[in-house]
PDB file of N, CA and C in Angstrom:
ATOM      1  N   MET A   1     196.507-105.367 158.045  1.00  0.00           N
ATOM      2  CA  MET A   1     195.185-105.397 157.459  1.00  0.00           C
ATOM      3  C   MET A   1     194.173-104.957 158.518  1.00  0.00           C
ATOM      4  N   ALA A   2     193.260-104.127 158.103  1.00  0.00           N
ATOM      5  CA  ALA A   2     192.262-103.605 159.029  1.00  0.00           C
ATOM      6  C   ALA A   2     191.288-104.700 159.435  1.00  0.00           C
ATOM      7  N   ALA A   3     190.772-104.563 160.635  1.00  0.00           N
ATOM      8  CA  ALA A   3     189.769-105.524 161.121  1.00  0.00           C
ATOM      9  C   ALA A   3     188.499-105.368 160.299  1.00  0.00           C
ATOM     10  N   MET A   4     187.900-106.473 159.966  1.00  0.00           N
ATOM     11  CA  MET A   4     186.646-106.440 159.210  1.00  0.00           C
ATOM     12  C   MET A   4     185.492-106.231 160.180  1.00  0.00           C
ATOM     13  N   LYS A   5     184.702-105.242 159.909  1.00  0.00           N
ATOM     14  CA  LYS A   5     183.537-104.955 160.743  1.00  0.00           C
ATOM     15  C   LYS A   5     182.285-105.209 159.914  1.00  0.00           C
ATOM     16  N   PRO A   6     181.268-105.741 160.530  1.00  0.00           N
ATOM     17  CA  PRO A   6     180.041-105.960 159.760  1.00  0.00           C
ATOM     18  C   PRO A   6     179.423-104.632 159.361  1.00  0.00           C
ATOM     19  N   ARG A   7     178.902-104.579 158.168  1.00  0.00           N
ATOM     20  CA  ARG A   7     178.238-103.366 157.709  1.00  0.00           C
ATOM     21  C   ARG A   7     176.744-103.580 157.831  1.00  0.00           C
ATOM     22  N   THR A   8     176.143-102.839 158.688  1.00  0.00           N
ATOM     23  CA  THR A   8     174.701-102.967 158.852  1.00  0.00           C
ATOM     24  C   THR A   8     174.053-101.614 158.642  1.00  0.00           C
ATOM     25  N   GLY A   9     172.833-101.640 158.209  1.00  0.00           N
ATOM     26  CA  GLY A   9     172.067-100.416 158.071  1.00  0.00           C
ATOM     27  C   GLY A   9     171.349-100.056 159.351  1.00  0.00           C
ATOM     28  N   ASP A  10     171.545-100.888 160.385  1.00  0.00           N
ATOM     29  CA  ASP A  10     170.890-100.622 161.654  1.00  0.00           C
ATOM     30  C   ASP A  10     171.455 -99.356 162.279  1.00  0.00           C
ATOM     31  N   GLY A  11     170.605 -98.661 162.963  1.00  0.00           N
ATOM     32  CA  GLY A  11     171.047 -97.447 163.635  1.00  0.00           C
ATOM     33  C   GLY A  11     170.352 -96.238 163.051  1.00  0.00           C
ATOM     34  N   PRO A  12     170.436 -95.151 163.760  1.00  0.00           N
ATOM     35  CA  PRO A  12     169.720 -93.950 163.333  1.00  0.00           C
ATOM     36  C   PRO A  12     170.449 -93.189 162.231  1.00  0.00           C
ATOM     37  N   MET A  13     169.689 -92.367 161.534  1.00  0.00           N
ATOM     38  CA  MET A  13     170.303 -91.407 160.631  1.00  0.00           C
ATOM     39  C   MET A  13     170.998 -90.388 161.529  1.00  0.00           C
ATOM     40  N   GLU A  14     172.154 -89.918 161.113  1.00  0.00           N
ATOM     41  CA  GLU A  14     172.853 -88.940 161.941  1.00  0.00           C
ATOM     42  C   GLU A  14     173.519 -87.886 161.078  1.00  0.00           C
ATOM     43  N   VAL A  15     173.668 -86.711 161.664  1.00  0.00           N
ATOM     44  CA  VAL A  15     174.381 -85.618 161.019  1.00  0.00           C
ATOM     45  C   VAL A  15     175.309 -85.021 162.060  1.00  0.00           C
ATOM     46  N   VAL A  16     176.574 -84.851 161.687  1.00  0.00           N
ATOM     47  CA  VAL A  16     177.543 -84.233 162.588  1.00  0.00           C
ATOM     48  C   VAL A  16     178.207 -83.071 161.863  1.00  0.00           C
ATOM     49  N   ARG A  17     178.550 -82.052 162.624  1.00  0.00           N
ATOM     50  CA  ARG A  17     179.256 -80.903 162.061  1.00  0.00           C
ATOM     51  C   ARG A  17     180.745 -81.126 162.253  1.00  0.00           C
ATOM     52  N   GLU A  18     181.467 -81.032 161.155  1.00  0.00           N
ATOM     53  CA  GLU A  18     182.919 -81.052 161.187  1.00  0.00           C
ATOM     54  C   GLU A  18     183.371 -79.634 160.872  1.00  0.00           C
ATOM     55  N   PRO A  19     184.655 -79.334 160.992  1.00  0.00           N
ATOM     56  CA  PRO A  19     185.085 -77.935 160.850  1.00  0.00           C
ATOM     57  C   PRO A  19     184.589 -77.202 159.602  1.00  0.00           C
ATOM     58  N   ARG A  20     184.565 -77.838 158.452  1.00  0.00           N
ATOM     59  CA  ARG A  20     184.167 -77.134 157.226  1.00  0.00           C
ATOM     60  C   ARG A  20     182.941 -77.713 156.538  1.00  0.00           C
ATOM     61  N   LYS A  21     182.295 -78.709 157.162  1.00  0.00           N
ATOM     62  CA  LYS A  21     181.191 -79.375 156.472  1.00  0.00           C
ATOM     63  C   LYS A  21     180.279 -80.077 157.453  1.00  0.00           C
ATOM     64  N   LEU A  22     179.140 -80.508 156.949  1.00  0.00           N
ATOM     65  CA  LEU A  22     178.228 -81.377 157.677  1.00  0.00           C
ATOM     66  C   LEU A  22     178.360 -82.761 157.054  1.00  0.00           C
ATOM     67  N   VAL A  23     178.367 -83.800 157.878  1.00  0.00           N
ATOM     68  CA  VAL A  23     178.438 -85.166 157.378  1.00  0.00           C
ATOM     69  C   VAL A  23     177.169 -85.876 157.803  1.00  0.00           C
ATOM     70  N   MET A  24     176.396 -86.344 156.803  1.00  0.00           N
ATOM     71  CA  MET A  24     175.140 -87.030 157.056  1.00  0.00           C
ATOM     72  C   MET A  24     175.329 -88.505 156.707  1.00  0.00           C
ATOM     73  N   ARG A  25     174.956 -89.379 157.645  1.00  0.00           N
ATOM     74  CA  ARG A  25     175.042 -90.818 157.429  1.00  0.00           C
ATOM     75  C   ARG A  25     173.627 -91.390 157.469  1.00  0.00           C
ATOM     76  N   ILE A  26     173.244 -92.042 156.370  1.00  0.00           N
ATOM     77  CA  ILE A  26     171.890 -92.557 156.224  1.00  0.00           C
ATOM     78  C   ILE A  26     171.955 -94.073 156.070  1.00  0.00           C
ATOM     79  N   PRO A  27     171.299 -94.837 156.970  1.00  0.00           N
ATOM     80  CA  PRO A  27     171.273 -96.304 156.804  1.00  0.00           C
ATOM     81  C   PRO A  27     170.589 -96.668 155.487  1.00  0.00           C
ATOM     82  N   THR A  28     171.090 -97.711 154.825  1.00  0.00           N
ATOM     83  CA  THR A  28     170.511 -98.124 153.550  1.00  0.00           C
ATOM     84  C   THR A  28     169.975 -99.548 153.626  1.00  0.00           C
ATOM     85  N   ASP A  29     169.030 -99.849 152.766  1.00  0.00           N
ATOM     86  CA  ASP A  29     168.522-101.220 152.653  1.00  0.00           C
ATOM     87  C   ASP A  29     169.662-102.115 152.189  1.00  0.00           C
ATOM     88  N   GLY A  30     169.737-103.289 152.746  1.00  0.00           N
ATOM     89  CA  GLY A  30     170.789-104.209 152.355  1.00  0.00           C
ATOM     90  C   GLY A  30     172.078-104.025 153.128  1.00  0.00           C
ATOM     91  N   GLY A  31     172.103-103.092 154.060  1.00  0.00           N
ATOM     92  CA  GLY A  31     173.289-102.864 154.879  1.00  0.00           C
ATOM     93  C   GLY A  31     174.125-101.714 154.371  1.00  0.00           C
ATOM     94  N   GLY A  32     174.940-101.210 155.230  1.00  0.00           N
ATOM     95  CA  GLY A  32     175.810-100.092 154.899  1.00  0.00           C
ATOM     96  C   GLY A  32     175.148 -98.757 155.162  1.00  0.00           C
ATOM     97  N   ARG A  33     175.869 -97.723 154.863  1.00  0.00           N
ATOM     98  CA  ARG A  33     175.376 -96.364 155.058  1.00  0.00           C
ATOM     99  C   ARG A  33     175.746 -95.515 153.862  1.00  0.00           C
ATOM    100  N   LEU A  34     174.853 -94.629 153.513  1.00  0.00           N
ATOM    101  CA  LEU A  34     175.131 -93.614 152.519  1.00  0.00           C
ATOM    102  C   LEU A  34     175.708 -92.432 153.279  1.00  0.00           C
ATOM    103  N   VAL A  35     176.892 -91.985 152.903  1.00  0.00           N
ATOM    104  CA  VAL A  35     177.527 -90.859 153.581  1.00  0.00           C
ATOM    105  C   VAL A  35     177.550 -89.683 152.616  1.00  0.00           C
ATOM    106  N   VAL A  36     176.991 -88.553 153.059  1.00  0.00           N
ATOM    107  CA  VAL A  36     176.905 -87.357 152.235  1.00  0.00           C
ATOM    108  C   VAL A  36     177.562 -86.211 152.984  1.00  0.00           C
ATOM    109  N   GLU A  37     178.472 -85.513 152.308  1.00  0.00           N
ATOM    110  CA  GLU A  37     179.102 -84.330 152.886  1.00  0.00           C
ATOM    111  C   GLU A  37     178.461 -83.101 152.262  1.00  0.00           C
ATOM    112  N   LEU A  38     178.041 -82.162 153.110  1.00  0.00           N
ATOM    113  CA  LEU A  38     177.350 -80.954 152.655  1.00  0.00           C
ATOM    114  C   LEU A  38     177.954 -79.722 153.293  1.00  0.00           C
ATOM    115  N   ASN A  39     177.940 -78.599 152.574  1.00  0.00           N
ATOM    116  CA  ASN A  39     178.259 -77.333 153.225  1.00  0.00           C
ATOM    117  C   ASN A  39     176.937 -76.721 153.695  1.00  0.00           C
ATOM    118  N   ASP A  40     176.989 -75.590 154.356  1.00  0.00           N
ATOM    119  CA  ASP A  40     175.768 -75.003 154.924  1.00  0.00           C
ATOM    120  C   ASP A  40     174.748 -74.638 153.845  1.00  0.00           C
ATOM    121  N   ASP A  41     175.213 -74.124 152.708  1.00  0.00           N
ATOM    122  CA  ASP A  41     174.282 -73.753 151.634  1.00  0.00           C
ATOM    123  C   ASP A  41     173.585 -74.979 151.056  1.00  0.00           C
ATOM    124  N   GLU A  42     174.330 -76.060 150.870  1.00  0.00           N
ATOM    125  CA  GLU A  42     173.735 -77.296 150.357  1.00  0.00           C
ATOM    126  C   GLU A  42     172.752 -77.887 151.353  1.00  0.00           C
ATOM    127  N   ALA A  43     173.069 -77.808 152.642  1.00  0.00           N
ATOM    128  CA  ALA A  43     172.169 -78.320 153.670  1.00  0.00           C
ATOM    129  C   ALA A  43     170.866 -77.520 153.684  1.00  0.00           C
ATOM    130  N   GLN A  44     170.964 -76.200 153.523  1.00  0.00           N
ATOM    131  CA  GLN A  44     169.756 -75.366 153.485  1.00  0.00           C
ATOM    132  C   GLN A  44     168.912 -75.694 152.258  1.00  0.00           C
ATOM    133  N   ALA A  45     169.561 -75.906 151.118  1.00  0.00           N
ATOM    134  CA  ALA A  45     168.834 -76.270 149.896  1.00  0.00           C
ATOM    135  C   ALA A  45     168.134 -77.621 150.065  1.00  0.00           C
ATOM    136  N   LEU A  46     168.799 -78.574 150.713  1.00  0.00           N
ATOM    137  CA  LEU A  46     168.175 -79.885 150.977  1.00  0.00           C
ATOM    138  C   LEU A  46     166.980 -79.723 151.909  1.00  0.00           C
ATOM    139  N   LYS A  47     167.132 -78.914 152.945  1.00  0.00           N
ATOM    140  CA  LYS A  47     166.020 -78.663 153.878  1.00  0.00           C
ATOM    141  C   LYS A  47     164.825 -78.063 153.139  1.00  0.00           C
ATOM    142  N   ASP A  48     165.087 -77.072 152.284  1.00  0.00           N
ATOM    143  CA  ASP A  48     164.014 -76.437 151.542  1.00  0.00           C
ATOM    144  C   ASP A  48     163.314 -77.425 150.607  1.00  0.00           C
ATOM    145  N   ALA A  49     164.099 -78.269 149.926  1.00  0.00           N
ATOM    146  CA  ALA A  49     163.533 -79.248 149.012  1.00  0.00           C
ATOM    147  C   ALA A  49     162.677 -80.277 149.750  1.00  0.00           C
ATOM    148  N   LEU A  50     163.160 -80.743 150.901  1.00  0.00           N
ATOM    149  CA  LEU A  50     162.411 -81.735 151.679  1.00  0.00           C
ATOM    150  C   LEU A  50     161.157 -81.143 152.307  1.00  0.00           C
ATOM    151  N   SER A  51     161.234 -79.895 152.748  1.00  0.00           N
ATOM    152  CA  SER A  51     160.069 -79.302 153.426  1.00  0.00           C
ATOM    153  C   SER A  51     158.887 -79.181 152.482  1.00  0.00           C
ATOM    154  N   GLY A  52     159.135 -79.156 151.187  1.00  0.00           N
ATOM    155  CA  GLY A  52     158.051 -79.067 150.210  1.00  0.00           C
ATOM    156  C   GLY A  52     157.322 -80.385 149.997  1.00  0.00           C
ATOM    157  N   VAL A  53     157.913 -81.490 150.415  1.00  0.00           N
ATOM    158  CA  VAL A  53     157.287 -82.785 150.148  1.00  0.00           C
ATOM    159  C   VAL A  53     156.995 -83.595 151.410  1.00  0.00           C
ATOM    160  N   VAL A  54     157.508 -83.176 152.562  1.00  0.00           N
ATOM    161  CA  VAL A  54     157.292 -83.912 153.812  1.00  0.00           C
ATOM    162  C   VAL A  54     155.949 -83.495 154.395  1.00  0.00           C
ATOM    163  N   LYS A  55     155.141 -84.491 154.787  1.00  0.00           N
ATOM    164  CA  LYS A  55     153.836 -84.224 155.382  1.00  0.00           C
ATOM    165  C   LYS A  55     153.970 -83.972 156.878  1.00  0.00           C
ATOM    166  N   GLY A  56     153.048 -83.203 157.425  1.00  0.00           N
ATOM    167  CA  GLY A  56     152.918 -83.076 158.864  1.00  0.00           C
ATOM    168  C   GLY A  56     153.627 -81.902 159.506  1.00  0.00           C
ATOM    169  N   ASN A  57     154.367 -81.123 158.768  1.00  0.00           N
ATOM    170  CA  ASN A  57     155.039 -79.977 159.405  1.00  0.00           C
ATOM    171  C   ASN A  57     154.362 -78.745 159.025  1.00  0.00           C
TER     172      ASN A  57
END
């Protein structure tokens, strides 16, 4: 049986490149992380969508 590790939302948002995809880990309220796998086209579409609503850039 695997060791039980506490699931916390503490920590930074992170994105790492793996051989065929990008993996984004986002801390969530209540603990845990949302993990999203994206290819380059999906990541660009997300960037474009966010840039339209994020203030200050």
